[in-house]
């Protein structure tokens, strides 16, 4: 009998996708440069937003005949941010993260410089709207870019560190407000010229920063994607794979990759409410709305509220500078906790802490107690900005690559609707019951945001959905 030959089967080890290779890398010098490059742009954004509160405080005196219209200046900027966030996020899914990041920096930097030449509230209002278009587009795009390059095990922490650059810009704004604006009636003009720095930084961004590997693959630019991944691997001392990466990412089988039931082929707002995503979209929109309302309602008017409480302009600016310094430890605590407690617990806890601090600050502003104003204000700054860090970390993780920019942009855009209403709500709330009523409302809004945060999925340690 002739023996029947038996076939031996050999199993070929699975080749990791480029995204998986990025996920497992250590944090390298290239990650640091990406974080610093994006972070400086983020700090310049915060400088621009922070300067506005000091500019308004001085213009309340310099343009006293138009003081009643100044609330609209802040809201015009936020209206631009709402539109810019939604449009910029969608453009980032079509044109690329880096390209949109650079263009928006250029747009709002130039508009900020031009706004220094304003001769009336109307002109300033129009230019602040243009500033908002650029600023609103840039923030969700930058967080998406950094999130897509960060190692999986520390992705949340890295994005919180990116958001921590906001504190650097806010402190810089407070310093400019304290040292530059009070020097003359045109101090606000010089401050806005300083805020035009992003126009120059945009050139560096366009030339030096890498494009998202996930975006490149989604557009079929596989050679460019491979070169980018190899650059990060070489920085980590990782040898080139013995088997070349597939030109099309292999299907993912890990359970954590199946978070979204349907993978959309192209970005559209309706897809944000598709199967597996409606609950998270509604929840994150609520958190963004509530966080924006309380943050911008409180901090845009903070110098003016202290002046109204009887403190001199320079002393009010000094207090705001001290309060702003508490943002840095808030971000540090959030960055540590987000990988220990998770995204959901950290975000909800910091929002609840913001609620308590807001109430104490409101009653301190009435009593005139400097100690209570500073302590409660620093607590509000600590918890509120720690919450912002967690919010920016969790948002890009909720959506797959083709929708990530759109999802983050629309969440930010919905939040900016609240930032439009918040500055306008401050004068009537003050008239209704003074600072206590105002800050009790802010506290209640923070609580609603915390409840919505508990409805988000916990994505600590998972891979970004492709």
Protein backbone atom coordinates (compact mmCIF):
# COMPACT_ATOMS: atom_id res chain seq x y z
CA UNK A 1 0.00 0.00 0.00
CA UNK A 2 1.35 3.35 -0.94
CA UNK A 3 1.30 5.67 2.02
CA UNK A 4 -0.82 8.76 1.61
CA UNK A 5 1.32 11.86 2.00
CA UNK A 6 0.32 14.04 4.88
CA UNK A 7 0.39 17.80 4.60
CA UNK A 8 1.92 19.86 7.31
CA UNK A 9 0.33 23.17 8.02
CA UNK A 10 2.38 26.11 9.15
CA UNK A 11 0.92 29.18 10.74
CA UNK A 12 2.18 32.56 9.68
CA UNK A 13 2.50 35.00 12.54
CA UNK A 14 0.16 37.94 12.25
CA UNK A 15 1.82 41.08 10.97
CA UNK A 16 1.01 44.09 13.14
CA UNK A 17 -0.61 47.02 11.42
CA UNK A 18 1.10 50.40 11.41
CA UNK A 19 -1.36 51.67 14.01
CA UNK A 20 -0.53 48.71 16.26
CA UNK A 21 3.18 49.36 15.81
CA UNK A 22 2.67 52.97 16.90
CA UNK A 23 0.50 51.90 19.84
CA UNK A 24 3.20 49.69 21.35
CA UNK A 25 6.14 52.10 21.07
CA UNK A 26 7.67 53.75 24.11
CA UNK A 27 7.44 57.52 24.45
CA UNK A 28 10.33 58.86 22.35
CA UNK A 29 11.98 62.13 21.41
CA UNK A 30 9.73 62.31 18.35
CA UNK A 31 6.66 62.06 20.58
CA UNK A 32 8.07 64.87 22.72
CA UNK A 33 8.63 67.07 19.68
CA UNK A 34 5.10 66.39 18.43
CA UNK A 35 3.67 67.16 21.87
CA UNK A 36 5.73 70.33 22.21
CA UNK A 37 4.95 71.49 18.67
CA UNK A 38 1.21 70.99 19.13
CA UNK A 39 1.37 72.29 22.69
CA UNK A 40 2.95 75.59 21.72
CA UNK A 41 0.11 76.15 19.27
CA UNK A 42 -2.30 75.26 22.07
CA UNK A 43 -0.61 77.75 24.44
CA UNK A 44 -0.89 80.47 21.82
CA UNK A 45 -4.61 79.72 21.55
CA UNK A 46 -4.96 80.11 25.31
CA UNK A 47 -3.01 83.37 25.15
CA UNK A 48 -5.50 84.74 22.65
CA UNK A 49 -8.59 83.61 24.59
CA UNK A 50 -7.16 84.71 27.92
CA UNK A 51 -6.22 88.16 26.67
CA UNK A 52 -9.83 88.86 25.75
CA UNK A 53 -10.97 89.01 29.37
CA UNK A 54 -8.31 91.64 30.18
CA UNK A 55 -9.03 93.56 26.98
CA UNK A 56 -12.74 93.73 27.83
CA UNK A 57 -11.96 94.91 31.38
CA UNK A 58 -9.94 97.86 30.03
CA UNK A 59 -12.36 98.66 27.21
CA UNK A 60 -15.18 98.91 29.76
CA UNK A 61 -13.36 102.10 30.82
CA UNK A 62 -11.74 103.27 27.57
CA UNK A 63 -14.87 102.74 25.45
CA UNK A 64 -17.33 103.44 28.26
CA UNK A 65 -19.92 104.77 25.80
CA UNK A 66 -20.01 101.31 24.17
CA UNK A 67 -19.61 99.24 27.36
CA UNK A 68 -23.02 97.62 26.98
CA UNK A 69 -21.97 96.02 23.69
CA UNK A 70 -18.73 94.46 24.92
CA UNK A 71 -20.39 91.22 26.01
CA UNK A 72 -21.12 90.63 22.34
CA UNK A 73 -17.39 90.77 21.52
CA UNK A 74 -16.73 87.63 23.54
CA UNK A 75 -19.81 85.91 22.16
CA UNK A 76 -18.84 86.78 18.56
CA UNK A 77 -15.52 85.03 19.06
CA UNK A 78 -17.25 81.98 20.47
CA UNK A 79 -19.74 81.96 17.60
CA UNK A 80 -16.78 81.74 15.25
CA UNK A 81 -15.31 78.95 17.38
CA UNK A 82 -18.56 76.96 17.18
CA UNK A 83 -18.58 77.10 13.39
CA UNK A 84 -14.83 76.63 13.13
CA UNK A 85 -14.81 73.55 15.37
CA UNK A 86 -17.46 71.76 13.33
CA UNK A 87 -16.02 72.74 9.94
CA UNK A 88 -12.39 72.26 10.98
CA UNK A 89 -13.02 68.78 12.33
CA UNK A 90 -14.66 67.70 9.09
CA UNK A 91 -11.86 69.25 7.03
CA UNK A 92 -9.29 67.40 9.14
CA UNK A 93 -10.90 64.11 8.09
CA UNK A 94 -10.63 65.14 4.44
CA UNK A 95 -7.49 67.30 4.11
CA UNK A 96 -5.40 65.97 6.98
CA UNK A 97 -4.79 66.94 10.60
CA UNK A 98 -1.51 68.80 10.07
CA UNK A 99 -2.75 70.87 7.12
CA UNK A 100 -5.85 72.11 8.94
CA UNK A 101 -3.83 72.75 12.11
CA UNK A 102 -1.43 75.05 10.24
CA UNK A 103 -4.11 76.88 8.25
CA UNK A 104 -6.20 77.63 11.33
CA UNK A 105 -3.18 78.92 13.26
CA UNK A 106 -2.43 81.29 10.39
CA UNK A 107 -6.05 82.48 10.14
CA UNK A 108 -6.59 83.34 13.76
CA UNK A 109 -3.06 84.75 14.26
CA UNK A 110 -3.51 87.27 11.46
CA UNK A 111 -7.04 88.19 12.59
CA UNK A 112 -5.82 88.76 16.15
CA UNK A 113 -3.16 91.16 14.91
CA UNK A 114 -5.69 93.05 12.80
CA UNK A 115 -8.09 93.32 15.74
CA UNK A 116 -5.50 95.48 17.51
CA UNK A 117 -6.35 98.18 14.95
CA UNK A 118 -10.08 98.19 15.81
CA UNK A 119 -11.67 101.62 16.26
CA UNK A 120 -15.09 100.49 17.47
CA UNK A 121 -16.87 97.58 19.13
CA UNK A 122 -18.43 96.66 15.78
CA UNK A 123 -15.07 96.26 14.03
CA UNK A 124 -13.63 94.35 16.97
CA UNK A 125 -16.71 92.10 16.99
CA UNK A 126 -16.27 91.14 13.32
CA UNK A 127 -12.56 90.43 13.70
CA UNK A 128 -13.12 88.38 16.86
CA UNK A 129 -15.56 86.23 14.88
CA UNK A 130 -12.81 85.52 12.34
CA UNK A 131 -10.37 84.79 15.17
CA UNK A 132 -12.91 82.31 16.53
CA UNK A 133 -13.16 80.50 13.19
CA UNK A 134 -9.46 79.70 13.31
CA UNK A 135 -9.26 79.03 17.02
CA UNK A 136 -12.28 76.73 17.08
CA UNK A 137 -10.91 74.67 14.20
CA UNK A 138 -7.44 74.22 15.66
CA UNK A 139 -8.13 72.82 19.13
CA UNK A 140 -9.96 69.56 18.30
CA UNK A 141 -7.63 68.94 15.35
CA UNK A 142 -4.51 69.21 17.52
CA UNK A 143 -5.88 66.84 20.16
CA UNK A 144 -6.87 64.34 17.46
CA UNK A 145 -3.39 64.43 15.93
CA UNK A 146 -1.61 63.90 19.24
CA UNK A 147 -4.04 61.17 20.29
CA UNK A 148 -3.41 59.21 17.08
CA UNK A 149 0.37 59.19 17.62
CA UNK A 150 0.45 58.53 21.38
CA UNK A 151 1.36 55.09 22.78
CA UNK A 152 -1.77 53.25 23.86
CA UNK A 153 -0.88 52.79 27.53
CA UNK A 154 -0.32 56.53 28.13
CA UNK A 155 -2.48 58.07 25.41
CA UNK A 156 -4.84 59.79 27.84
CA UNK A 157 -1.96 61.20 29.87
CA UNK A 158 -0.24 62.60 26.78
CA UNK A 159 -3.39 64.38 25.60
CA UNK A 160 -3.90 65.87 29.09
CA UNK A 161 -0.30 67.11 28.94
CA UNK A 162 -1.14 68.70 25.59
CA UNK A 163 -4.12 70.42 27.20
CA UNK A 164 -1.80 71.54 30.04
CA UNK A 165 -0.18 73.93 27.57
CA UNK A 166 -3.45 75.86 27.88
CA UNK A 167 -2.35 76.77 31.40
CA UNK A 168 0.96 78.07 30.03
CA UNK A 169 -0.90 80.31 27.59
CA UNK A 170 -3.40 81.42 30.24
CA UNK A 171 -0.57 82.39 32.58
CA UNK A 172 1.13 84.26 29.73
CA UNK A 173 -2.16 86.09 29.06
CA UNK A 174 -2.44 87.01 32.74
CA UNK A 175 1.14 88.32 32.70
CA UNK A 176 0.48 90.38 29.57
CA UNK A 177 -2.73 91.64 31.12
CA UNK A 178 -0.95 92.58 34.34
CA UNK A 179 2.23 94.07 32.81
CA UNK A 180 1.14 95.50 29.43
CA UNK A 181 -2.54 96.47 29.38
CA UNK A 182 -2.53 98.87 32.37
CA UNK A 183 0.42 100.89 30.98
CA UNK A 184 -1.76 103.06 28.73
CA UNK A 185 -5.22 103.38 27.21
CA UNK A 186 -3.80 101.54 24.18
CA UNK A 187 -2.42 98.69 26.27
CA UNK A 188 -5.12 96.38 24.93
CA UNK A 189 -3.88 97.01 21.37
CA UNK A 190 -0.33 95.99 22.25
CA UNK A 191 -1.67 92.89 23.98
CA UNK A 192 -3.56 91.81 20.86
CA UNK A 193 -0.47 92.37 18.71
CA UNK A 194 1.40 89.98 20.99
CA UNK A 195 -1.43 87.50 20.41
CA UNK A 196 -0.66 87.53 16.66
CA UNK A 197 2.35 85.22 17.20
CA UNK A 198 0.50 82.12 15.88
CA UNK A 199 0.74 83.52 12.35
CA UNK A 200 4.50 82.97 12.46
CA UNK A 201 4.29 79.65 14.27
CA UNK A 202 2.02 78.24 11.54
CA UNK A 203 4.99 78.13 9.16
CA UNK A 204 6.92 75.88 11.54
CA UNK A 205 3.88 73.65 12.04
CA UNK A 206 3.40 73.07 8.34
CA UNK A 207 7.03 72.16 7.73
CA UNK A 208 8.00 70.12 10.79
CA UNK A 209 5.03 68.19 12.14
CA UNK A 210 4.09 64.70 10.85
CA UNK A 211 0.72 63.89 9.34
CA UNK A 212 -1.47 61.32 11.06
CA UNK A 213 -0.58 57.77 9.96
CA UNK A 214 -4.21 56.72 10.27
CA UNK A 215 -5.28 59.58 8.00
CA UNK A 216 -2.56 58.75 5.45
CA UNK A 217 -3.69 55.12 5.31
CA UNK A 218 -7.32 56.14 4.93
CA UNK A 219 -6.25 58.08 1.83
CA UNK A 220 -4.13 55.26 0.37
CA UNK A 221 -0.82 57.08 1.03
CA UNK A 222 0.80 53.93 2.41
CA UNK A 223 4.42 54.69 1.52
CA UNK A 224 4.24 58.01 3.36
CA UNK A 225 2.54 56.31 6.30
CA UNK A 226 5.29 53.66 6.45
CA UNK A 227 8.03 56.31 6.42
CA UNK A 228 6.34 58.12 9.29
CA UNK A 229 5.99 54.96 11.39
CA UNK A 230 9.60 53.99 10.70
CA UNK A 231 10.72 57.43 11.87
CA UNK A 232 9.04 56.86 15.23
CA UNK A 233 10.36 53.30 15.44
CA UNK A 234 13.91 54.42 14.72
CA UNK A 235 13.65 57.02 17.47
CA UNK A 236 12.70 54.17 19.82
CA UNK A 237 15.48 51.90 18.57
CA UNK A 238 13.00 49.41 17.09
CA UNK A 239 14.37 47.50 14.07
CA UNK A 240 12.43 47.40 10.83
CA UNK A 241 9.87 44.56 10.70
CA UNK A 242 11.16 41.42 9.01
CA UNK A 243 7.94 41.23 7.02
CA UNK A 244 6.83 44.48 5.48
CA UNK A 245 3.64 45.95 6.83
CA UNK A 246 0.56 45.28 4.72
CA UNK A 247 -0.48 48.03 2.36
CA UNK A 248 -3.97 47.79 3.75
CA UNK A 249 -4.30 47.42 7.54
CA UNK A 250 -5.29 43.88 8.53
CA UNK A 251 -8.69 43.32 10.13
CA UNK A 252 -8.63 43.78 13.87
CA UNK A 253 -9.91 40.96 16.01
CA UNK A 254 -9.32 42.28 19.52
CA UNK A 255 -12.53 42.90 21.40
CA UNK A 256 -11.46 46.40 22.30
CA UNK A 257 -11.34 47.24 18.58
CA UNK A 258 -15.01 46.34 18.21
CA UNK A 259 -16.25 49.28 20.26
CA UNK A 260 -18.03 50.82 17.25
CA UNK A 261 -20.40 48.54 15.41
CA UNK A 262 -20.28 50.32 12.09
CA UNK A 263 -17.16 51.76 10.52
CA UNK A 264 -18.18 54.72 8.36
CA UNK A 265 -16.65 55.08 4.95
CA UNK A 266 -16.60 58.87 5.02
CA UNK A 267 -17.20 61.57 7.55
CA UNK A 268 -20.67 63.02 8.07
CA UNK A 269 -22.51 64.33 11.09
CA UNK A 270 -25.26 61.74 10.75
CA UNK A 271 -22.70 58.97 11.22
CA UNK A 272 -22.03 60.26 14.75
CA UNK A 273 -25.46 58.89 15.66
CA UNK A 274 -25.05 55.56 13.86
CA UNK A 275 -25.14 52.14 15.47
CA UNK A 276 -23.00 51.99 18.59
CA UNK A 277 -22.27 55.73 18.70
CA UNK A 278 -25.49 57.64 19.47
CA UNK A 279 -25.26 57.31 23.27
CA UNK A 280 -21.62 58.41 23.43
CA UNK A 281 -22.23 61.31 21.05
CA UNK A 282 -25.14 62.67 23.11
CA UNK A 283 -23.21 62.25 26.36
CA UNK A 284 -20.03 63.94 25.11
CA UNK A 285 -22.01 66.81 23.59
CA UNK A 286 -23.71 67.43 26.95
CA UNK A 287 -20.36 67.41 28.77
CA UNK A 288 -18.85 69.82 26.26
CA UNK A 289 -21.84 72.15 26.47
CA UNK A 290 -21.88 72.30 30.27
CA UNK A 291 -18.12 72.64 30.66
CA UNK A 292 -17.94 75.48 28.14
CA UNK A 293 -20.86 77.35 29.69
CA UNK A 294 -19.39 77.47 33.17
CA UNK A 295 -15.76 77.95 32.17
CA UNK A 296 -16.27 80.84 29.77
CA UNK A 297 -19.05 82.39 31.81
CA UNK A 298 -16.76 82.58 34.82
CA UNK A 299 -13.32 83.29 33.39
CA UNK A 300 -14.13 85.73 30.58
CA UNK A 301 -15.80 88.04 33.10
CA UNK A 302 -13.50 87.34 36.07
CA UNK A 303 -11.37 90.54 35.87
CA UNK A 304 -14.48 92.68 35.30
CA UNK A 305 -16.31 91.02 38.22
CA UNK A 306 -13.43 91.77 40.56
CA UNK A 307 -13.31 95.39 39.39
CA UNK A 308 -17.07 95.64 39.99
CA UNK A 309 -16.50 94.26 43.51
CA UNK A 310 -14.35 97.32 44.24
CA UNK A 311 -10.84 96.11 43.48
CA UNK A 312 -8.57 98.37 41.37
CA UNK A 313 -7.91 97.21 37.79
CA UNK A 314 -4.26 96.31 38.44
CA UNK A 315 -5.11 94.46 41.67
CA UNK A 316 -7.87 92.52 39.89
CA UNK A 317 -5.42 91.47 37.19
CA UNK A 318 -2.98 90.38 39.91
CA UNK A 319 -5.64 88.18 41.54
CA UNK A 320 -6.53 86.61 38.19
CA UNK A 321 -2.84 85.81 37.61
CA UNK A 322 -2.63 84.04 41.00
CA UNK A 323 -5.85 82.11 40.33
CA UNK A 324 -4.60 81.09 36.88
CA UNK A 325 -1.41 79.56 38.32
CA UNK A 326 -3.56 76.82 39.90
CA UNK A 327 -4.30 75.45 36.43
CA UNK A 328 -0.89 73.75 36.26
CA UNK A 329 -1.31 71.42 39.27
CA UNK A 330 -4.88 70.76 38.08
CA UNK A 331 -3.58 69.44 34.78
CA UNK A 332 -0.83 67.47 36.53
CA UNK A 333 -3.35 65.73 38.80
CA UNK A 334 -5.64 64.97 35.86
CA UNK A 335 -2.76 63.59 33.78
CA UNK A 336 -1.82 61.18 36.57
CA UNK A 337 -5.36 60.13 37.50
CA UNK A 338 -6.62 59.58 33.96
CA UNK A 339 -4.49 56.43 33.64
CA UNK A 340 -5.19 55.36 37.24
CA UNK A 341 -8.92 56.01 37.65
CA UNK A 342 -9.77 56.07 33.97
CA UNK A 343 -11.27 58.78 31.76
CA UNK A 344 -14.84 58.68 33.05
CA UNK A 345 -14.05 58.78 36.77
CA UNK A 346 -11.45 61.53 36.41
CA UNK A 347 -13.70 63.72 34.28
CA UNK A 348 -16.73 63.35 36.57
CA UNK A 349 -14.69 63.97 39.75
CA UNK A 350 -13.07 67.14 38.43
CA UNK A 351 -16.43 68.48 37.24
CA UNK A 352 -17.93 67.91 40.69
CA UNK A 353 -14.93 69.64 42.28
CA UNK A 354 -15.52 72.56 39.91
CA UNK A 355 -19.15 72.77 41.06
CA UNK A 356 -18.19 73.05 44.75
CA UNK A 357 -15.44 75.60 44.05
CA UNK A 358 -17.77 77.74 41.92
CA UNK A 359 -20.31 78.09 44.74
CA UNK A 360 -17.63 79.05 47.28
CA UNK A 361 -16.14 81.57 44.88
CA UNK A 362 -19.51 83.24 44.27
CA UNK A 363 -20.11 83.89 47.95
CA UNK A 364 -16.50 84.99 48.46
CA UNK A 365 -16.82 87.63 45.76
CA UNK A 366 -19.78 89.13 47.63
CA UNK A 367 -18.12 89.15 51.04
CA UNK A 368 -15.05 90.81 49.61
CA UNK A 369 -12.76 88.38 51.43
CA UNK A 370 -9.52 88.35 49.49
CA UNK A 371 -8.51 85.02 51.02
CA UNK A 372 -11.78 83.33 50.03
CA UNK A 373 -11.66 84.81 46.54
CA UNK A 374 -8.12 83.51 46.00
CA UNK A 375 -8.59 80.07 47.58
CA UNK A 376 -11.95 79.38 45.94
CA UNK A 377 -10.75 80.85 42.65
CA UNK A 378 -7.66 78.66 42.67
CA UNK A 379 -9.79 75.59 43.46
CA UNK A 380 -12.10 76.45 40.56
CA UNK A 381 -9.09 76.87 38.28
CA UNK A 382 -7.57 73.58 39.52
CA UNK A 383 -10.67 71.43 39.06
CA UNK A 384 -12.07 73.11 35.95
CA UNK A 385 -8.88 72.90 33.91
CA UNK A 386 -8.22 69.35 35.13
CA UNK A 387 -11.67 68.49 33.75
CA UNK A 388 -10.77 70.12 30.44
CA UNK A 389 -7.69 67.92 30.21
CA UNK A 390 -9.73 64.75 30.72
CA UNK A 391 -12.39 65.96 28.27
CA UNK A 392 -9.89 66.50 25.46
CA UNK A 393 -8.34 63.09 26.19
CA UNK A 394 -11.58 61.12 25.99
CA UNK A 395 -13.23 62.83 23.00
CA UNK A 396 -11.02 61.59 20.12
CA UNK A 397 -11.09 58.06 21.55
CA UNK A 398 -14.84 57.78 21.05
CA UNK A 399 -14.75 57.59 17.24
CA UNK A 400 -13.04 55.56 14.48
CA UNK A 401 -10.39 57.15 12.27
CA UNK A 402 -12.68 58.32 9.40
CA UNK A 403 -14.89 60.11 11.94
CA UNK A 404 -12.39 61.14 14.60
CA UNK A 405 -11.87 64.71 13.44
CA UNK A 406 -15.57 65.18 12.71
CA UNK A 407 -16.60 63.74 16.08
CA UNK A 408 -14.14 65.83 18.06
CA UNK A 409 -14.93 68.94 16.03
CA UNK A 410 -18.69 68.70 16.41
CA UNK A 411 -18.42 68.02 20.14
CA UNK A 412 -16.31 71.15 20.48
CA UNK A 413 -18.69 73.05 18.22
CA UNK A 414 -21.70 72.17 20.36
CA UNK A 415 -19.70 73.28 23.38
CA UNK A 416 -19.00 76.62 21.76
CA UNK A 417 -22.73 77.26 21.52
CA UNK A 418 -22.66 77.37 25.31
CA UNK A 419 -19.66 79.69 25.27
CA UNK A 420 -21.67 82.11 23.10
CA UNK A 421 -24.54 82.17 25.58
CA UNK A 422 -22.41 82.23 28.73
CA UNK A 423 -20.89 85.75 28.47
CA UNK A 424 -24.32 87.13 27.55
CA UNK A 425 -25.92 85.42 30.55
CA UNK A 426 -23.56 86.99 33.10
CA UNK A 427 -25.02 90.55 33.22
CA UNK A 428 -28.67 89.43 33.72
CA UNK A 429 -27.67 86.82 36.32
CA UNK A 430 -25.63 89.42 38.19
CA UNK A 431 -28.62 91.77 38.09
CA UNK A 432 -30.87 88.98 39.36
CA UNK A 433 -28.91 87.98 42.43
CA UNK A 434 -25.30 89.08 42.22
CA UNK A 435 -22.24 86.80 42.12
CA UNK A 436 -23.78 84.13 44.42
CA UNK A 437 -26.64 83.47 41.99
CA UNK A 438 -24.28 83.54 39.03
CA UNK A 439 -21.86 81.00 40.47
CA UNK A 440 -24.57 78.75 41.91
CA UNK A 441 -25.88 78.48 38.35
CA UNK A 442 -22.37 77.64 37.14
CA UNK A 443 -22.10 75.01 39.90
CA UNK A 444 -25.38 73.38 38.88
CA UNK A 445 -24.25 73.27 35.25
CA UNK A 446 -21.02 71.53 36.29
CA UNK A 447 -23.08 68.89 38.12
CA UNK A 448 -25.11 68.16 34.98
CA UNK A 449 -21.86 67.76 33.06
CA UNK A 450 -20.54 65.31 35.68
CA UNK A 451 -23.68 63.16 35.39
CA UNK A 452 -23.31 63.07 31.59
CA UNK A 453 -19.65 62.06 31.98
CA UNK A 454 -20.69 58.90 33.83
CA UNK A 455 -22.58 57.80 30.69
CA UNK A 456 -19.44 57.70 28.56
CA UNK A 457 -17.67 54.39 27.83
CA UNK A 458 -14.44 53.76 29.74
CA UNK A 459 -11.66 53.44 27.12
CA UNK A 460 -8.52 53.44 29.24
CA UNK A 461 -5.86 51.19 27.71
CA UNK A 462 -7.83 50.37 24.53
CA UNK A 463 -6.68 50.87 20.96
CA UNK A 464 -8.14 53.65 18.88
CA UNK A 465 -10.85 52.26 16.60
CA UNK A 466 -9.81 52.16 12.96
